């Protein structure tokens, strides 16, 4: 399936922090202040809107018309939803960040 791309402008600084704090092991954990810039709504190229929300100290993803699903870090700049339906990858670019959202089979 073709990946959806969005380019939010406020994520570059937060992603630099996330990349710098990446662990050498397979377990990834980001403290809440590292995730702060990720929260918000992102319009996707297919017309849907991806919302990254905070509940307690956890991050949740929600597409239009769906229930929120908990995010799990699988890399310094990569997340999957707890139900394994979405894969989110944040790619730092000059002066911005590109977010690639892929629906998993």
PDB file of N, CA and C in Angstrom:
ATOM      1  N   UNK A   1       0.843  -1.168   0.000  1.00  0.00           N
ATOM      2  CA  UNK A   1       0.000   0.000   0.000  1.00  0.00           C
ATOM      3  C   UNK A   1       0.893   1.237   0.000  1.00  0.00           C
ATOM      4  N   UNK A   2       0.494   2.260  -0.703  1.00  0.00           N
ATOM      5  CA  UNK A   2       1.266   3.488  -0.783  1.00  0.00           C
ATOM      6  C   UNK A   2       1.273   4.207   0.560  1.00  0.00           C
ATOM      7  N   UNK A   3       2.442   4.687   0.965  1.00  0.00           N
ATOM      8  CA  UNK A   3       2.565   5.401   2.229  1.00  0.00           C
ATOM      9  C   UNK A   3       1.992   6.806   2.092  1.00  0.00           C
ATOM     10  N   UNK A   4       1.394   7.312   3.184  1.00  0.00           N
ATOM     11  CA  UNK A   4       0.884   8.677   3.226  1.00  0.00           C
ATOM     12  C   UNK A   4       1.974   9.548   3.827  1.00  0.00           C
ATOM     13  N   UNK A   5       2.130  10.767   3.331  1.00  0.00           N
ATOM     14  CA  UNK A   5       3.178  11.644   3.830  1.00  0.00           C
ATOM     15  C   UNK A   5       2.581  12.970   4.278  1.00  0.00           C
ATOM     16  N   UNK A   6       3.101  13.464   5.398  1.00  0.00           N
ATOM     17  CA  UNK A   6       2.748  14.794   5.866  1.00  0.00           C
ATOM     18  C   UNK A   6       4.029  15.488   6.282  1.00  0.00           C
ATOM     19  N   UNK A   7       4.036  16.779   6.263  1.00  0.00           N
ATOM     20  CA  UNK A   7       5.230  17.522   6.627  1.00  0.00           C
ATOM     21  C   UNK A   7       4.872  18.603   7.642  1.00  0.00           C
ATOM     22  N   UNK A   8       4.807  18.257   8.937  1.00  0.00           N
ATOM     23  CA  UNK A   8       4.557  19.284   9.947  1.00  0.00           C
ATOM     24  C   UNK A   8       5.835  20.054  10.227  1.00  0.00           C
ATOM     25  N   UNK A   9       5.739  21.331  10.466  1.00  0.00           N
ATOM     26  CA  UNK A   9       6.918  22.159  10.643  1.00  0.00           C
ATOM     27  C   UNK A   9       7.508  22.161  12.036  1.00  0.00           C
ATOM     28  N   UNK A  10       6.759  21.813  13.075  1.00  0.00           N
ATOM     29  CA  UNK A  10       7.242  21.991  14.448  1.00  0.00           C
ATOM     30  C   UNK A  10       7.973  20.784  15.018  1.00  0.00           C
ATOM     31  N   UNK A  11       8.197  19.747  14.248  1.00  0.00           N
ATOM     32  CA  UNK A  11       8.748  18.529  14.820  1.00  0.00           C
ATOM     33  C   UNK A  11      10.266  18.408  14.765  1.00  0.00           C
ATOM     34  N   UNK A  12      10.949  19.209  13.987  1.00  0.00           N
ATOM     35  CA  UNK A  12      12.375  19.004  13.756  1.00  0.00           C
ATOM     36  C   UNK A  12      13.190  18.996  15.041  1.00  0.00           C
ATOM     37  N   UNK A  13      12.961  19.939  15.938  1.00  0.00           N
ATOM     38  CA  UNK A  13      13.737  19.999  17.176  1.00  0.00           C
ATOM     39  C   UNK A  13      13.478  18.786  18.054  1.00  0.00           C
ATOM     40  N   UNK A  14      12.219  18.381  18.175  1.00  0.00           N
ATOM     41  CA  UNK A  14      11.893  17.224  19.005  1.00  0.00           C
ATOM     42  C   UNK A  14      12.499  15.954  18.430  1.00  0.00           C
ATOM     43  N   UNK A  15      12.497  15.830  17.121  1.00  0.00           N
ATOM     44  CA  UNK A  15      13.046  14.634  16.511  1.00  0.00           C
ATOM     45  C   UNK A  15      14.556  14.568  16.653  1.00  0.00           C
ATOM     46  N   UNK A  16      15.208  15.710  16.661  1.00  0.00           N
ATOM     47  CA  UNK A  16      16.647  15.717  16.917  1.00  0.00           C
ATOM     48  C   UNK A  16      16.917  15.174  18.317  1.00  0.00           C
ATOM     49  N   UNK A  17      16.068  15.560  19.295  1.00  0.00           N
ATOM     50  CA  UNK A  17      16.210  15.029  20.646  1.00  0.00           C
ATOM     51  C   UNK A  17      15.951  13.529  20.678  1.00  0.00           C
ATOM     52  N   UNK A  18      14.924  13.081  19.963  1.00  0.00           N
ATOM     53  CA  UNK A  18      14.615  11.658  19.938  1.00  0.00           C
ATOM     54  C   UNK A  18      15.757  10.864  19.321  1.00  0.00           C
ATOM     55  N   UNK A  19      16.326  11.366  18.238  1.00  0.00           N
ATOM     56  CA  UNK A  19      17.421  10.664  17.579  1.00  0.00           C
ATOM     57  C   UNK A  19      18.643  10.601  18.484  1.00  0.00           C
ATOM     58  N   UNK A  20      18.925  11.684  19.191  1.00  0.00           N
ATOM     59  CA  UNK A  20      20.082  11.730  20.073  1.00  0.00           C
ATOM     60  C   UNK A  20      19.905  10.816  21.282  1.00  0.00           C
ATOM     61  N   UNK A  21      18.673  10.536  21.680  1.00  0.00           N
ATOM     62  CA  UNK A  21      18.441   9.731  22.874  1.00  0.00           C
ATOM     63  C   UNK A  21      18.148   8.272  22.545  1.00  0.00           C
ATOM     64  N   UNK A  22      18.316   7.860  21.286  1.00  0.00           N
ATOM     65  CA  UNK A  22      18.020   6.483  20.897  1.00  0.00           C
ATOM     66  C   UNK A  22      18.861   5.488  21.673  1.00  0.00           C
ATOM     67  N   UNK A  23      18.260   4.361  22.037  1.00  0.00           N
ATOM     68  CA  UNK A  23      18.952   3.344  22.819  1.00  0.00           C
ATOM     69  C   UNK A  23      19.672   2.385  21.891  1.00  0.00           C
ATOM     70  N   UNK A  24      20.688   1.709  22.421  1.00  0.00           N
ATOM     71  CA  UNK A  24      21.436   0.734  21.642  1.00  0.00           C
ATOM     72  C   UNK A  24      20.761  -0.630  21.659  1.00  0.00           C
ATOM     73  N   UNK A  25      19.764  -0.812  22.513  1.00  0.00           N
ATOM     74  CA  UNK A  25      19.076  -2.095  22.609  1.00  0.00           C
ATOM     75  C   UNK A  25      17.823  -2.076  21.743  1.00  0.00           C
ATOM     76  N   UNK A  26      17.103  -3.178  21.734  1.00  0.00           N
ATOM     77  CA  UNK A  26      15.871  -3.254  20.941  1.00  0.00           C
ATOM     78  C   UNK A  26      14.697  -2.574  21.630  1.00  0.00           C
ATOM     79  N   UNK A  27      14.792  -2.319  22.913  1.00  0.00           N
ATOM     80  CA  UNK A  27      13.746  -1.635  23.650  1.00  0.00           C
ATOM     81  C   UNK A  27      13.938  -0.132  23.500  1.00  0.00           C
ATOM     82  N   UNK A  28      12.873   0.579  23.155  1.00  0.00           N
ATOM     83  CA  UNK A  28      12.943   2.032  23.014  1.00  0.00           C
ATOM     84  C   UNK A  28      11.949   2.667  23.959  1.00  0.00           C
ATOM     85  N   UNK A  29      12.411   3.670  24.657  1.00  0.00           N
ATOM     86  CA  UNK A  29      11.553   4.404  25.570  1.00  0.00           C
ATOM     87  C   UNK A  29      11.866   5.884  25.425  1.00  0.00           C
ATOM     88  N   UNK A  30      10.839   6.686  25.334  1.00  0.00           N
ATOM     89  CA  UNK A  30      10.998   8.133  25.250  1.00  0.00           C
ATOM     90  C   UNK A  30      10.274   8.740  26.438  1.00  0.00           C
ATOM     91  N   UNK A  31      10.984   9.592  27.178  1.00  0.00           N
ATOM     92  CA  UNK A  31      10.338  10.264  28.302  1.00  0.00           C
ATOM     93  C   UNK A  31       9.319  11.248  27.740  1.00  0.00           C
ATOM     94  N   UNK A  32       8.297  11.600  28.542  1.00  0.00           N
ATOM     95  CA  UNK A  32       7.213  12.445  28.026  1.00  0.00           C
ATOM     96  C   UNK A  32       7.657  13.748  27.375  1.00  0.00           C
ATOM     97  N   UNK A  33       8.687  14.412  27.905  1.00  0.00           N
ATOM     98  CA  UNK A  33       9.081  15.685  27.287  1.00  0.00           C
ATOM     99  C   UNK A  33       9.699  15.485  25.906  1.00  0.00           C
ATOM    100  N   UNK A  34      10.237  14.306  25.610  1.00  0.00           N
ATOM    101  CA  UNK A  34      10.761  14.035  24.271  1.00  0.00           C
ATOM    102  C   UNK A  34       9.625  13.869  23.259  1.00  0.00           C
ATOM    103  N   UNK A  35       8.472  13.466  23.739  1.00  0.00           N
ATOM    104  CA  UNK A  35       7.322  13.236  22.864  1.00  0.00           C
ATOM    105  C   UNK A  35       6.447  14.477  22.704  1.00  0.00           C
ATOM    106  N   UNK A  36       6.683  15.520  23.466  1.00  0.00           N
ATOM    107  CA  UNK A  36       5.779  16.675  23.526  1.00  0.00           C
ATOM    108  C   UNK A  36       5.483  17.282  22.161  1.00  0.00           C
ATOM    109  N   UNK A  37       6.461  17.380  21.283  1.00  0.00           N
ATOM    110  CA  UNK A  37       6.246  18.002  19.973  1.00  0.00           C
ATOM    111  C   UNK A  37       5.477  17.122  19.003  1.00  0.00           C
ATOM    112  N   UNK A  38       5.308  15.869  19.317  1.00  0.00           N
ATOM    113  CA  UNK A  38       4.579  14.971  18.417  1.00  0.00           C
ATOM    114  C   UNK A  38       3.070  15.105  18.537  1.00  0.00           C
ATOM    115  N   UNK A  39       2.592  15.563  19.675  1.00  0.00           N
ATOM    116  CA  UNK A  39       1.153  15.625  19.898  1.00  0.00           C
ATOM    117  C   UNK A  39       0.503  16.684  19.022  1.00  0.00           C
ATOM    118  N   UNK A  40      -0.621  16.320  18.408  1.00  0.00           N
ATOM    119  CA  UNK A  40      -1.348  17.247  17.560  1.00  0.00           C
ATOM    120  C   UNK A  40      -2.021  16.517  16.417  1.00  0.00           C
ATOM    121  N   UNK A  41      -2.592  17.281  15.495  1.00  0.00           N
ATOM    122  CA  UNK A  41      -3.319  16.727  14.345  1.00  0.00           C
ATOM    123  C   UNK A  41      -2.499  16.936  13.083  1.00  0.00           C
ATOM    124  N   UNK A  42      -2.476  15.915  12.227  1.00  0.00           N
ATOM    125  CA  UNK A  42      -1.705  15.944  10.995  1.00  0.00           C
ATOM    126  C   UNK A  42      -2.586  15.516   9.825  1.00  0.00           C
ATOM    127  N   UNK A  43      -2.862  16.416   8.882  1.00  0.00           N
ATOM    128  CA  UNK A  43      -3.642  16.018   7.699  1.00  0.00           C
ATOM    129  C   UNK A  43      -2.804  15.093   6.815  1.00  0.00           C
ATOM    130  N   UNK A  44      -3.406  14.014   6.358  1.00  0.00           N
ATOM    131  CA  UNK A  44      -2.712  13.043   5.518  1.00  0.00           C
ATOM    132  C   UNK A  44      -3.098  13.219   4.055  1.00  0.00           C
ATOM    133  N   UNK A  45      -2.279  12.693   3.188  1.00  0.00           N
ATOM    134  CA  UNK A  45      -2.495  12.866   1.754  1.00  0.00           C
ATOM    135  C   UNK A  45      -3.749  12.166   1.252  1.00  0.00           C
ATOM    136  N   UNK A  46      -4.292  11.193   1.990  1.00  0.00           N
ATOM    137  CA  UNK A  46      -5.516  10.504   1.561  1.00  0.00           C
ATOM    138  C   UNK A  46      -6.783  11.177   2.083  1.00  0.00           C
ATOM    139  N   UNK A  47      -6.638  12.370   2.722  1.00  0.00           N
ATOM    140  CA  UNK A  47      -7.789  13.100   3.232  1.00  0.00           C
ATOM    141  C   UNK A  47      -8.100  12.817   4.689  1.00  0.00           C
ATOM    142  N   UNK A  48      -7.524  11.774   5.249  1.00  0.00           N
ATOM    143  CA  UNK A  48      -7.701  11.447   6.655  1.00  0.00           C
ATOM    144  C   UNK A  48      -6.884  12.407   7.516  1.00  0.00           C
ATOM    145  N   UNK A  49      -7.149  12.420   8.804  1.00  0.00           N
ATOM    146  CA  UNK A  49      -6.356  13.204   9.742  1.00  0.00           C
ATOM    147  C   UNK A  49      -5.817  12.268  10.812  1.00  0.00           C
ATOM    148  N   UNK A  50      -4.514  12.289  11.010  1.00  0.00           N
ATOM    149  CA  UNK A  50      -3.867  11.527  12.066  1.00  0.00           C
ATOM    150  C   UNK A  50      -3.741  12.427  13.283  1.00  0.00           C
ATOM    151  N   UNK A  51      -4.194  11.933  14.427  1.00  0.00           N
ATOM    152  CA  UNK A  51      -4.062  12.687  15.671  1.00  0.00           C
ATOM    153  C   UNK A  51      -3.169  11.895  16.618  1.00  0.00           C
ATOM    154  N   UNK A  52      -2.153  12.551  17.139  1.00  0.00           N
ATOM    155  CA  UNK A  52      -1.294  11.967  18.160  1.00  0.00           C
ATOM    156  C   UNK A  52      -1.691  12.642  19.463  1.00  0.00           C
ATOM    157  N   UNK A  53      -2.148  11.840  20.424  1.00  0.00           N
ATOM    158  CA  UNK A  53      -2.682  12.356  21.681  1.00  0.00           C
ATOM    159  C   UNK A  53      -1.903  11.797  22.857  1.00  0.00           C
ATOM    160  N   UNK A  54      -1.959  12.522  23.949  1.00  0.00           N
ATOM    161  CA  UNK A  54      -1.313  12.075  25.178  1.00  0.00           C
ATOM    162  C   UNK A  54      -2.391  11.710  26.187  1.00  0.00           C
ATOM    163  N   UNK A  55      -2.242  10.541  26.784  1.00  0.00           N
ATOM    164  CA  UNK A  55      -3.107  10.100  27.885  1.00  0.00           C
ATOM    165  C   UNK A  55      -2.185   9.604  28.978  1.00  0.00           C
ATOM    166  N   UNK A  56      -2.130  10.357  30.066  1.00  0.00           N
ATOM    167  CA  UNK A  56      -1.168  10.019  31.113  1.00  0.00           C
ATOM    168  C   UNK A  56       0.231  10.234  30.564  1.00  0.00           C
ATOM    169  N   UNK A  57       1.061   9.206  30.627  1.00  0.00           N
ATOM    170  CA  UNK A  57       2.409   9.327  30.055  1.00  0.00           C
ATOM    171  C   UNK A  57       2.563   8.482  28.797  1.00  0.00           C
ATOM    172  N   UNK A  58       1.460   8.158  28.152  1.00  0.00           N
ATOM    173  CA  UNK A  58       1.473   7.348  26.923  1.00  0.00           C
ATOM    174  C   UNK A  58       1.019   8.162  25.725  1.00  0.00           C
ATOM    175  N   UNK A  59       1.536   7.806  24.561  1.00  0.00           N
ATOM    176  CA  UNK A  59       1.115   8.433  23.308  1.00  0.00           C
ATOM    177  C   UNK A  59       0.121   7.502  22.614  1.00  0.00           C
ATOM    178  N   UNK A  60      -0.909   8.105  22.019  1.00  0.00           N
ATOM    179  CA  UNK A  60      -1.958   7.375  21.326  1.00  0.00           C
ATOM    180  C   UNK A  60      -2.139   7.967  19.937  1.00  0.00           C
ATOM    181  N   UNK A  61      -2.458   7.136  18.952  1.00  0.00           N
ATOM    182  CA  UNK A  61      -2.725   7.588  17.583  1.00  0.00           C
ATOM    183  C   UNK A  61      -4.182   7.319  17.262  1.00  0.00           C
ATOM    184  N   UNK A  62      -4.769   8.241  16.494  1.00  0.00           N
ATOM    185  CA  UNK A  62      -6.173   8.070  16.095  1.00  0.00           C
ATOM    186  C   UNK A  62      -6.352   8.646  14.698  1.00  0.00           C
ATOM    187  N   UNK A  63      -6.999   7.881  13.835  1.00  0.00           N
ATOM    188  CA  UNK A  63      -7.413   8.373  12.521  1.00  0.00           C
ATOM    189  C   UNK A  63      -8.872   8.775  12.622  1.00  0.00           C
ATOM    190  N   UNK A  64      -9.340   9.600  11.682  1.00  0.00           N
ATOM    191  CA  UNK A  64     -10.741  10.038  11.689  1.00  0.00           C
ATOM    192  C   UNK A  64     -11.679   8.844  11.830  1.00  0.00           C
ATOM    193  N   UNK A  65     -12.631   8.964  12.752  1.00  0.00           N
ATOM    194  CA  UNK A  65     -13.660   7.947  12.900  1.00  0.00           C
ATOM    195  C   UNK A  65     -13.215   6.662  13.578  1.00  0.00           C
ATOM    196  N   UNK A  66     -12.027   6.634  14.170  1.00  0.00           N
ATOM    197  CA  UNK A  66     -11.563   5.428  14.850  1.00  0.00           C
ATOM    198  C   UNK A  66     -11.265   5.739  16.309  1.00  0.00           C
ATOM    199  N   UNK A  67     -11.189   4.703  17.105  1.00  0.00           N
ATOM    200  CA  UNK A  67     -10.816   4.845  18.502  1.00  0.00           C
ATOM    201  C   UNK A  67      -9.295   5.014  18.602  1.00  0.00           C
ATOM    202  N   UNK A  68      -8.814   5.744  19.604  1.00  0.00           N
ATOM    203  CA  UNK A  68      -7.361   5.883  19.792  1.00  0.00           C
ATOM    204  C   UNK A  68      -6.701   4.536  20.076  1.00  0.00           C
ATOM    205  N   UNK A  69      -5.486   4.363  19.554  1.00  0.00           N
ATOM    206  CA  UNK A  69      -4.708   3.147  19.763  1.00  0.00           C
ATOM    207  C   UNK A  69      -3.337   3.563  20.293  1.00  0.00           C
ATOM    208  N   UNK A  70      -2.862   2.870  21.304  1.00  0.00           N
ATOM    209  CA  UNK A  70      -1.592   3.216  21.935  1.00  0.00           C
ATOM    210  C   UNK A  70      -0.422   3.034  20.979  1.00  0.00           C
ATOM    211  N   UNK A  71       0.530   3.965  21.029  1.00  0.00           N
ATOM    212  CA  UNK A  71       1.746   3.881  20.224  1.00  0.00           C
ATOM    213  C   UNK A  71       2.841   3.170  21.012  1.00  0.00           C
ATOM    214  N   UNK A  72       3.643   2.400  20.286  1.00  0.00           N
ATOM    215  CA  UNK A  72       4.787   1.706  20.868  1.00  0.00           C
ATOM    216  C   UNK A  72       6.011   2.042  20.033  1.00  0.00           C
ATOM    217  N   UNK A  73       7.082   2.503  20.683  1.00  0.00           N
ATOM    218  CA  UNK A  73       8.308   2.851  19.976  1.00  0.00           C
ATOM    219  C   UNK A  73       9.020   1.574  19.536  1.00  0.00           C
ATOM    220  N   UNK A  74       9.412   1.532  18.255  1.00  0.00           N
ATOM    221  CA  UNK A  74      10.174   0.400  17.734  1.00  0.00           C
ATOM    222  C   UNK A  74      11.541   0.846  17.231  1.00  0.00           C
ATOM    223  N   UNK A  75      11.817   2.119  17.344  1.00  0.00           N
ATOM    224  CA  UNK A  75      13.092   2.693  16.956  1.00  0.00           C
ATOM    225  C   UNK A  75      13.144   4.119  17.440  1.00  0.00           C
ATOM    226  N   UNK A  76      14.290   4.763  17.279  1.00  0.00           N
ATOM    227  CA  UNK A  76      14.410   6.132  17.763  1.00  0.00           C
ATOM    228  C   UNK A  76      13.400   7.090  17.131  1.00  0.00           C
ATOM    229  N   UNK A  77      13.012   6.849  15.894  1.00  0.00           N
ATOM    230  CA  UNK A  77      12.067   7.718  15.194  1.00  0.00           C
ATOM    231  C   UNK A  77      10.940   6.920  14.548  1.00  0.00           C
ATOM    232  N   UNK A  78      10.647   5.736  15.091  1.00  0.00           N
ATOM    233  CA  UNK A  78       9.614   4.874  14.520  1.00  0.00           C
ATOM    234  C   UNK A  78       8.688   4.349  15.597  1.00  0.00           C
ATOM    235  N   UNK A  79       7.405   4.277  15.240  1.00  0.00           N
ATOM    236  CA  UNK A  79       6.380   3.810  16.154  1.00  0.00           C
ATOM    237  C   UNK A  79       5.420   2.909  15.410  1.00  0.00           C
ATOM    238  N   UNK A  80       4.827   1.957  16.121  1.00  0.00           N
ATOM    239  CA  UNK A  80       3.709   1.175  15.598  1.00  0.00           C
ATOM    240  C   UNK A  80       2.579   1.298  16.608  1.00  0.00           C
ATOM    241  N   UNK A  81       1.366   1.151  16.127  1.00  0.00           N
ATOM    242  CA  UNK A  81       0.234   1.145  17.039  1.00  0.00           C
ATOM    243  C   UNK A  81       0.186  -0.209  17.742  1.00  0.00           C
ATOM    244  N   UNK A  82      -0.374  -0.223  18.942  1.00  0.00           N
ATOM    245  CA  UNK A  82      -0.439  -1.442  19.742  1.00  0.00           C
ATOM    246  C   UNK A  82      -1.138  -2.566  18.985  1.00  0.00           C
ATOM    247  N   UNK A  83      -2.121  -2.221  18.132  1.00  0.00           N
ATOM    248  CA  UNK A  83      -2.831  -3.235  17.353  1.00  0.00           C
ATOM    249  C   UNK A  83      -2.096  -3.606  16.065  1.00  0.00           C
ATOM    250  N   UNK A  84      -0.902  -3.043  15.859  1.00  0.00           N
ATOM    251  CA  UNK A  84      -0.053  -3.333  14.698  1.00  0.00           C
ATOM    252  C   UNK A  84      -0.694  -2.929  13.370  1.00  0.00           C
ATOM    253  N   UNK A  85      -1.624  -1.973  13.392  1.00  0.00           N
ATOM    254  CA  UNK A  85      -2.300  -1.542  12.169  1.00  0.00           C
ATOM    255  C   UNK A  85      -1.548  -0.429  11.444  1.00  0.00           C
ATOM    256  N   UNK A  86      -0.811   0.427  12.186  1.00  0.00           N
ATOM    257  CA  UNK A  86      -0.107   1.554  11.579  1.00  0.00           C
ATOM    258  C   UNK A  86       1.353   1.566  11.980  1.00  0.00           C
ATOM    259  N   UNK A  87       2.196   1.979  11.045  1.00  0.00           N
ATOM    260  CA  UNK A  87       3.619   2.193  11.292  1.00  0.00           C
ATOM    261  C   UNK A  87       3.894   3.663  10.987  1.00  0.00           C
ATOM    262  N   UNK A  88       4.460   4.392  11.947  1.00  0.00           N
ATOM    263  CA  UNK A  88       4.770   5.817  11.788  1.00  0.00           C
ATOM    264  C   UNK A  88       6.277   5.984  11.801  1.00  0.00           C
ATOM    265  N   UNK A  89       6.809   6.665  10.806  1.00  0.00           N
ATOM    266  CA  UNK A  89       8.250   6.931  10.745  1.00  0.00           C
ATOM    267  C   UNK A  89       8.456   8.424  10.532  1.00  0.00           C
ATOM    268  N   UNK A  90       9.237   9.029  11.401  1.00  0.00           N
ATOM    269  CA  UNK A  90       9.532  10.448  11.332  1.00  0.00           C
ATOM    270  C   UNK A  90      10.908  10.622  10.714  1.00  0.00           C
ATOM    271  N   UNK A  91      10.984  11.400   9.631  1.00  0.00           N
ATOM    272  CA  UNK A  91      12.226  11.612   8.894  1.00  0.00           C
ATOM    273  C   UNK A  91      12.611  13.086   8.959  1.00  0.00           C
ATOM    274  N   UNK A  92      13.655  13.418   9.743  1.00  0.00           N
ATOM    275  CA  UNK A  92      14.092  14.816   9.801  1.00  0.00           C
ATOM    276  C   UNK A  92      14.634  15.272   8.445  1.00  0.00           C
ATOM    277  N   UNK A  93      14.213  16.441   8.015  1.00  0.00           N
ATOM    278  CA  UNK A  93      14.686  17.070   6.790  1.00  0.00           C
ATOM    279  C   UNK A  93      15.175  18.467   7.150  1.00  0.00           C
ATOM    280  N   UNK A  94      15.793  19.134   6.227  1.00  0.00           N
ATOM    281  CA  UNK A  94      16.239  20.503   6.486  1.00  0.00           C
ATOM    282  C   UNK A  94      15.028  21.378   6.811  1.00  0.00           C
ATOM    283  N   UNK A  95      14.993  21.954   7.984  1.00  0.00           N
ATOM    284  CA  UNK A  95      13.976  22.894   8.449  1.00  0.00           C
ATOM    285  C   UNK A  95      12.595  22.299   8.656  1.00  0.00           C
ATOM    286  N   UNK A  96      12.435  20.986   8.554  1.00  0.00           N
ATOM    287  CA  UNK A  96      11.118  20.370   8.745  1.00  0.00           C
ATOM    288  C   UNK A  96      11.288  18.881   9.028  1.00  0.00           C
ATOM    289  N   UNK A  97      10.195  18.186   9.161  1.00  0.00           N
ATOM    290  CA  UNK A  97      10.191  16.740   9.355  1.00  0.00           C
ATOM    291  C   UNK A  97       9.085  16.145   8.503  1.00  0.00           C
ATOM    292  N   UNK A  98       9.382  15.029   7.861  1.00  0.00           N
ATOM    293  CA  UNK A  98       8.368  14.313   7.094  1.00  0.00           C
ATOM    294  C   UNK A  98       7.926  13.113   7.902  1.00  0.00           C
ATOM    295  N   UNK A  99       6.633  12.893   7.951  1.00  0.00           N
ATOM    296  CA  UNK A  99       6.077  11.751   8.662  1.00  0.00           C
ATOM    297  C   UNK A  99       5.471  10.811   7.632  1.00  0.00           C
ATOM    298  N   UNK A 100       5.912   9.567   7.644  1.00  0.00           N
ATOM    299  CA  UNK A 100       5.372   8.556   6.748  1.00  0.00           C
ATOM    300  C   UNK A 100       4.500   7.617   7.574  1.00  0.00           C
ATOM    301  N   UNK A 101       3.243   7.502   7.177  1.00  0.00           N
ATOM    302  CA  UNK A 101       2.292   6.629   7.855  1.00  0.00           C
ATOM    303  C   UNK A 101       1.986   5.488   6.900  1.00  0.00           C
ATOM    304  N   UNK A 102       2.243   4.277   7.362  1.00  0.00           N
ATOM    305  CA  UNK A 102       1.997   3.092   6.544  1.00  0.00           C
ATOM    306  C   UNK A 102       1.005   2.195   7.263  1.00  0.00           C
ATOM    307  N   UNK A 103      -0.037   1.781   6.561  1.00  0.00           N
ATOM    308  CA  UNK A 103      -1.001   0.820   7.132  1.00  0.00           C
ATOM    309  C   UNK A 103      -0.408  -0.570   6.958  1.00  0.00           C
ATOM    310  N   UNK A 104      -0.339  -1.305   8.054  1.00  0.00           N
ATOM    311  CA  UNK A 104       0.221  -2.653   8.013  1.00  0.00           C
ATOM    312  C   UNK A 104      -0.870  -3.665   7.708  1.00  0.00           C
ATOM    313  N   UNK A 105      -0.492  -4.741   6.994  1.00  0.00           N
ATOM    314  CA  UNK A 105      -1.503  -5.752   6.642  1.00  0.00           C
ATOM    315  C   UNK A 105      -1.998  -6.509   7.846  1.00  0.00           C
TER     316      UNK A 105
END
